[in-house]
Amino acid sequence: MKNKPTIVLVRPQLPENIGLSARAMENCDLNNLFLVSPREKWPNKISIQSSANSSKIIKKAKVFNNLDNALSSFHYVVATSNRKRFLNKPQINNFDELFKKIPKNKKIAIIFGPENSGLSNEDLMLADLILNINLSNSNRSLNLSHAVLLFSYKWYEYFNSQKSNSNLKSEFENIASKEEFNFFMNYLKKELDESGFLYPKQKSVKMFNNIKTIFLRSSLSKIEIKTLWGMLKKLSKKRKLNS
C-alpha cells in the first residue's frame, strides 16, 4: 500500500517501549512515528539503544504536546483499546474488516495509549473507530510494543497479499482532514453554545461528544464539510438578525 499509517504513541512512559515499537514497525515496513507527551526527556538514548537497527525511526519521530495537534493532518484515525468503553463510537475486532474499511489514499493514524492505563475517553473521542484485539480473558493486556508489533504485522500481511492488492478501492476517497473537521466542529460548538442548545451546562460536554460522534461516523468529505459550514453560517446569520 502506497500510503502507510503513522503509529502514534500517546503519553508513553518507558523509553524502552518506544524503541521496541520502532523496531517492530520497521520489521513490518512502517516508518512514521509520532509521540505525544512522552514521560521521559526526548530525544532519549535508551529508546535509541532498544530500537536496535531501527534508530532512524526514533531520530525522525515527531513529538507533540497534545493529541489534537498530532492528529490535525490526518484524514482517518483508529484508536486501540482492550478495555470496556461505554462510548457511542464504532468498534471493530477484525483486522481484515478494518483494513477494508479505512481509506487507502489518505493519511491514517493508529493511536496507542500509555502503558499503565491505555487511551482515555477524551483520546478515544478523537478517533473515527476503535480497534479491539481479541485476546484471552485471563489476560487481555498487551505490552505497548507487542500491540504495535501485532498491528504492524497484520497490516504488512494484509497489504502484501495478492488478495488484498486486487481490491484497494475505499469508500472514503475524499474524506476531510482532521484539521478541517475540527475547524467545523469548533464553529458548530460555538453556535450551539450561543443558541442555548447545549443546556444544562453540566451535561454540555456529553451532549457535544454525542453530536461529534454522529459527524465522525459519517466520515465527511471536504465538500460535505463546506456545505454544512455554509448552511450553519446562513442559519446563524438569520438567527442573529431576528434576535
Protein backbone atom coordinates (compact mmCIF):
# COMPACT_ATOMS: atom_id res chain seq x y z
CA MET A 1 0.00 0.00 0.00
CA LYS A 2 1.36 3.40 -1.01
CA ASN A 3 0.17 5.43 1.99
CA LYS A 4 1.36 3.69 5.13
CA PRO A 5 -0.18 4.55 8.51
CA THR A 6 1.57 6.61 11.15
CA ILE A 7 1.93 4.99 14.57
CA VAL A 8 1.07 7.47 17.34
CA LEU A 9 2.17 6.66 20.91
CA VAL A 10 0.20 8.75 23.40
CA ARG A 11 1.93 9.61 26.69
CA PRO A 12 4.35 6.64 26.54
CA GLN A 13 6.09 6.04 29.86
CA LEU A 14 9.04 3.73 29.19
CA PRO A 15 11.67 4.76 26.62
CA GLU A 16 12.43 1.05 26.06
CA ASN A 17 8.90 0.54 24.74
CA ILE A 18 9.30 3.42 22.29
CA GLY A 19 12.48 1.84 20.92
CA LEU A 20 10.96 -1.64 20.73
CA SER A 21 7.88 -0.20 18.98
CA ALA A 22 10.12 1.41 16.37
CA ARG A 23 11.88 -1.92 15.84
CA ALA A 24 8.52 -3.68 15.42
CA MET A 25 7.41 -1.05 12.91
CA GLU A 26 10.48 -1.43 10.71
CA ASN A 27 10.13 -5.23 10.83
CA CYS A 28 6.83 -4.67 9.02
CA ASP A 29 7.88 -1.83 6.69
CA LEU A 30 6.28 1.04 8.66
CA ASN A 31 8.43 4.07 9.37
CA ASN A 32 6.36 7.05 10.58
CA LEU A 33 6.26 7.51 14.36
CA PHE A 34 4.59 10.31 16.34
CA LEU A 35 4.97 10.75 20.11
CA VAL A 36 2.52 12.70 22.26
CA SER A 37 3.90 13.96 25.60
CA PRO A 38 6.41 11.17 26.34
CA ARG A 39 7.12 10.97 30.07
CA GLU A 40 10.91 10.85 29.77
CA LYS A 41 13.07 13.57 28.25
CA TRP A 42 13.27 13.42 24.46
CA PRO A 43 15.34 12.50 22.50
CA ASN A 44 16.23 9.52 24.67
CA LYS A 45 19.34 7.30 24.47
CA ILE A 46 17.53 4.27 25.91
CA SER A 47 14.94 4.43 23.13
CA ILE A 48 17.69 4.55 20.52
CA GLN A 49 19.52 1.60 22.10
CA SER A 50 16.41 -0.58 22.38
CA SER A 51 15.43 0.14 18.77
CA ALA A 52 18.43 -1.92 17.55
CA ASN A 53 18.82 -1.20 13.82
CA SER A 54 15.72 1.00 13.71
CA SER A 55 17.22 4.10 15.30
CA LYS A 56 16.43 6.18 12.20
CA ILE A 57 12.71 5.89 13.04
CA ILE A 58 13.43 7.15 16.56
CA LYS A 59 15.59 10.02 15.34
CA LYS A 60 12.98 11.33 12.90
CA ALA A 61 9.98 10.77 15.22
CA LYS A 62 7.82 13.88 15.65
CA VAL A 63 6.87 14.97 19.17
CA PHE A 64 3.67 16.84 20.10
CA ASN A 65 2.33 18.35 23.31
CA ASN A 66 -1.24 17.15 22.74
CA LEU A 67 -3.12 14.60 20.67
CA ASP A 68 -5.28 17.16 18.87
CA ASN A 69 -2.23 18.75 17.26
CA ALA A 70 -0.69 15.38 16.46
CA LEU A 71 -3.80 14.28 14.53
CA SER A 72 -4.59 17.54 12.72
CA SER A 73 -3.11 16.49 9.35
CA PHE A 74 -4.74 13.04 9.24
CA HIS A 75 -7.95 12.03 7.49
CA TYR A 76 -8.80 8.85 9.40
CA VAL A 77 -7.86 7.82 12.95
CA VAL A 78 -8.05 4.36 14.52
CA ALA A 79 -7.71 4.08 18.30
CA THR A 80 -6.65 0.85 20.02
CA SER A 81 -8.23 -0.25 23.28
CA ASN A 82 -8.97 -3.55 25.03
CA ARG A 83 -10.86 -2.04 27.94
CA LYS A 84 -14.65 -1.86 28.06
CA ARG A 85 -15.68 1.61 26.92
CA PHE A 86 -19.21 2.93 27.11
CA LEU A 87 -18.81 5.28 24.17
CA ASN A 88 -21.16 5.77 21.26
CA LYS A 89 -18.44 5.05 18.71
CA PRO A 90 -17.91 2.33 16.06
CA GLN A 91 -15.77 -0.57 17.27
CA ILE A 92 -14.22 -3.45 15.35
CA ASN A 93 -12.21 -6.54 16.35
CA ASN A 94 -11.32 -7.98 12.95
CA PHE A 95 -8.17 -6.77 11.19
CA ASP A 96 -9.30 -7.71 7.68
CA GLU A 97 -12.57 -5.81 8.12
CA LEU A 98 -10.63 -2.83 9.46
CA PHE A 99 -8.25 -2.75 6.50
CA LYS A 100 -11.13 -2.97 4.03
CA LYS A 101 -12.84 -0.03 5.71
CA ILE A 102 -10.08 2.56 6.07
CA PRO A 103 -9.27 4.99 3.22
CA LYS A 104 -6.38 3.76 1.10
CA ASN A 105 -5.13 7.04 -0.38
CA LYS A 106 -5.39 9.29 2.67
CA LYS A 107 -3.32 9.90 5.78
CA ILE A 108 -4.11 7.37 8.51
CA ALA A 109 -3.09 7.41 12.18
CA ILE A 110 -3.16 4.44 14.57
CA ILE A 111 -3.05 5.58 18.19
CA PHE A 112 -1.84 3.57 21.19
CA GLY A 113 -2.23 4.64 24.82
CA PRO A 114 0.19 4.74 27.76
CA GLU A 115 1.32 1.51 29.40
CA ASN A 116 -0.43 2.00 32.73
CA SER A 117 -3.94 2.96 31.63
CA GLY A 118 -4.37 2.97 27.86
CA LEU A 119 -6.14 5.74 25.98
CA SER A 120 -8.53 7.97 27.90
CA ASN A 121 -12.13 8.55 26.81
CA GLU A 122 -11.05 12.03 25.67
CA ASP A 123 -8.39 10.44 23.45
CA LEU A 124 -10.89 7.95 22.02
CA MET A 125 -13.34 10.72 21.15
CA LEU A 126 -10.83 11.97 18.55
CA ALA A 127 -10.88 8.67 16.66
CA ASP A 128 -13.16 7.54 13.85
CA LEU A 129 -13.13 3.95 15.04
CA ILE A 130 -11.88 1.82 17.96
CA LEU A 131 -9.94 -1.38 17.30
CA ASN A 132 -10.29 -4.12 19.91
CA ILE A 133 -7.91 -7.09 19.76
CA ASN A 134 -9.42 -10.43 20.77
CA LEU A 135 -7.26 -12.00 23.49
CA SER A 136 -7.66 -14.49 26.31
CA ASN A 137 -9.97 -13.37 29.11
CA SER A 138 -7.33 -14.44 31.63
CA ASN A 139 -5.08 -11.57 30.49
CA ARG A 140 -6.23 -9.08 27.86
CA SER A 141 -3.46 -6.56 28.47
CA LEU A 142 -0.69 -6.26 25.87
CA ASN A 143 2.69 -4.62 26.31
CA LEU A 144 2.78 -1.42 24.24
CA SER A 145 5.48 -2.64 21.85
CA HIS A 146 3.70 -6.01 21.46
CA ALA A 147 0.49 -4.21 20.49
CA VAL A 148 2.38 -2.14 17.92
CA LEU A 149 4.02 -5.29 16.54
CA LEU A 150 0.69 -7.12 16.27
CA PHE A 151 -0.95 -4.27 14.36
CA SER A 152 2.11 -3.71 12.16
CA TYR A 153 2.38 -7.39 11.25
CA LYS A 154 -1.32 -7.67 10.42
CA TRP A 155 -1.01 -4.57 8.23
CA TYR A 156 2.06 -5.93 6.46
CA GLU A 157 0.45 -9.34 5.95
CA TYR A 158 -2.80 -7.93 4.56
CA PHE A 159 -1.35 -5.39 2.15
CA ASN A 160 1.31 -7.73 0.83
CA SER A 161 -1.16 -10.46 -0.07
CA GLN A 162 -2.35 -10.81 -3.67
CA LYS A 163 -5.92 -11.00 -2.43
CA SER A 164 -5.91 -7.54 -0.86
CA ASN A 165 -3.92 -5.82 -3.60
CA SER A 166 -6.66 -6.62 -6.10
CA ASN A 167 -9.20 -4.52 -4.22
CA LEU A 168 -7.74 -1.34 -2.76
CA LYS A 169 -10.64 0.99 -3.52
CA SER A 170 -12.19 2.63 -0.47
CA GLU A 171 -15.50 4.34 0.23
CA PHE A 172 -13.59 7.25 1.83
CA GLU A 173 -11.55 8.61 -1.08
CA ASN A 174 -12.42 12.28 -0.46
CA ILE A 175 -12.56 12.34 3.34
CA ALA A 176 -11.72 15.66 5.02
CA SER A 177 -8.63 16.04 7.20
CA LYS A 178 -8.95 16.16 10.99
CA GLU A 179 -7.87 19.80 10.90
CA GLU A 180 -10.76 20.66 8.57
CA PHE A 181 -13.15 18.56 10.63
CA ASN A 182 -12.07 20.17 13.92
CA PHE A 183 -12.41 23.70 12.50
CA PHE A 184 -16.00 22.89 11.60
CA MET A 185 -16.74 21.24 14.97
CA ASN A 186 -15.32 24.22 16.88
CA TYR A 187 -17.55 26.56 14.88
CA LEU A 188 -20.56 24.29 15.43
CA LYS A 189 -19.92 24.18 19.19
CA LYS A 190 -19.68 27.98 19.31
CA GLU A 191 -23.02 28.35 17.51
CA LEU A 192 -24.71 25.73 19.69
CA ASP A 193 -23.40 27.47 22.82
CA GLU A 194 -24.67 30.86 21.64
CA SER A 195 -28.08 29.46 20.69
CA GLY A 196 -28.51 27.86 24.12
CA PHE A 197 -28.76 24.33 22.73
CA LEU A 198 -26.01 22.88 24.95
CA TYR A 199 -28.05 23.11 28.15
CA PRO A 200 -27.82 22.39 31.04
CA LYS A 201 -24.13 23.26 31.35
CA GLN A 202 -23.21 20.16 33.38
CA LYS A 203 -24.39 17.96 30.50
CA SER A 204 -22.97 20.06 27.67
CA VAL A 205 -19.71 18.09 27.25
CA LYS A 206 -21.51 14.76 26.92
CA MET A 207 -24.11 16.28 24.59
CA PHE A 208 -21.49 17.71 22.26
CA ASN A 209 -19.44 14.49 22.30
CA ASN A 210 -22.55 12.65 21.09
CA ILE A 211 -23.01 15.20 18.31
CA LYS A 212 -19.33 14.91 17.35
CA THR A 213 -19.62 11.12 17.19
CA ILE A 214 -22.52 11.42 14.73
CA PHE A 215 -20.37 13.50 12.37
CA LEU A 216 -17.29 11.29 12.86
CA ARG A 217 -19.30 8.21 11.93
CA SER A 218 -20.23 9.89 8.64
CA SER A 219 -16.56 10.34 7.57
CA LEU A 220 -17.38 13.69 5.97
CA SER A 221 -15.70 14.74 2.73
CA LYS A 222 -14.24 18.21 2.14
CA ILE A 223 -17.27 19.18 0.04
CA GLU A 224 -19.68 17.98 2.73
CA ILE A 225 -17.82 19.99 5.38
CA LYS A 226 -18.06 23.12 3.20
CA THR A 227 -21.77 22.51 2.59
CA LEU A 228 -22.52 22.08 6.30
CA TRP A 229 -20.43 25.13 7.14
CA GLY A 230 -22.36 27.23 4.60
CA MET A 231 -25.71 26.01 5.94
CA LEU A 232 -24.70 26.74 9.52
CA LYS A 233 -23.46 30.25 8.70
CA LYS A 234 -26.71 31.03 6.86
CA LEU A 235 -28.84 29.83 9.78
CA SER A 236 -26.64 31.69 12.26
CA LYS A 237 -26.90 34.93 10.30
CA LYS A 238 -30.68 34.66 10.14
CA ARG A 239 -30.91 33.89 13.88
CA LYS A 240 -28.79 36.93 14.76
CA LEU A 241 -30.84 39.23 12.51
CA ASN A 242 -34.05 38.07 14.19
CA SER A 243 -32.70 38.42 17.73
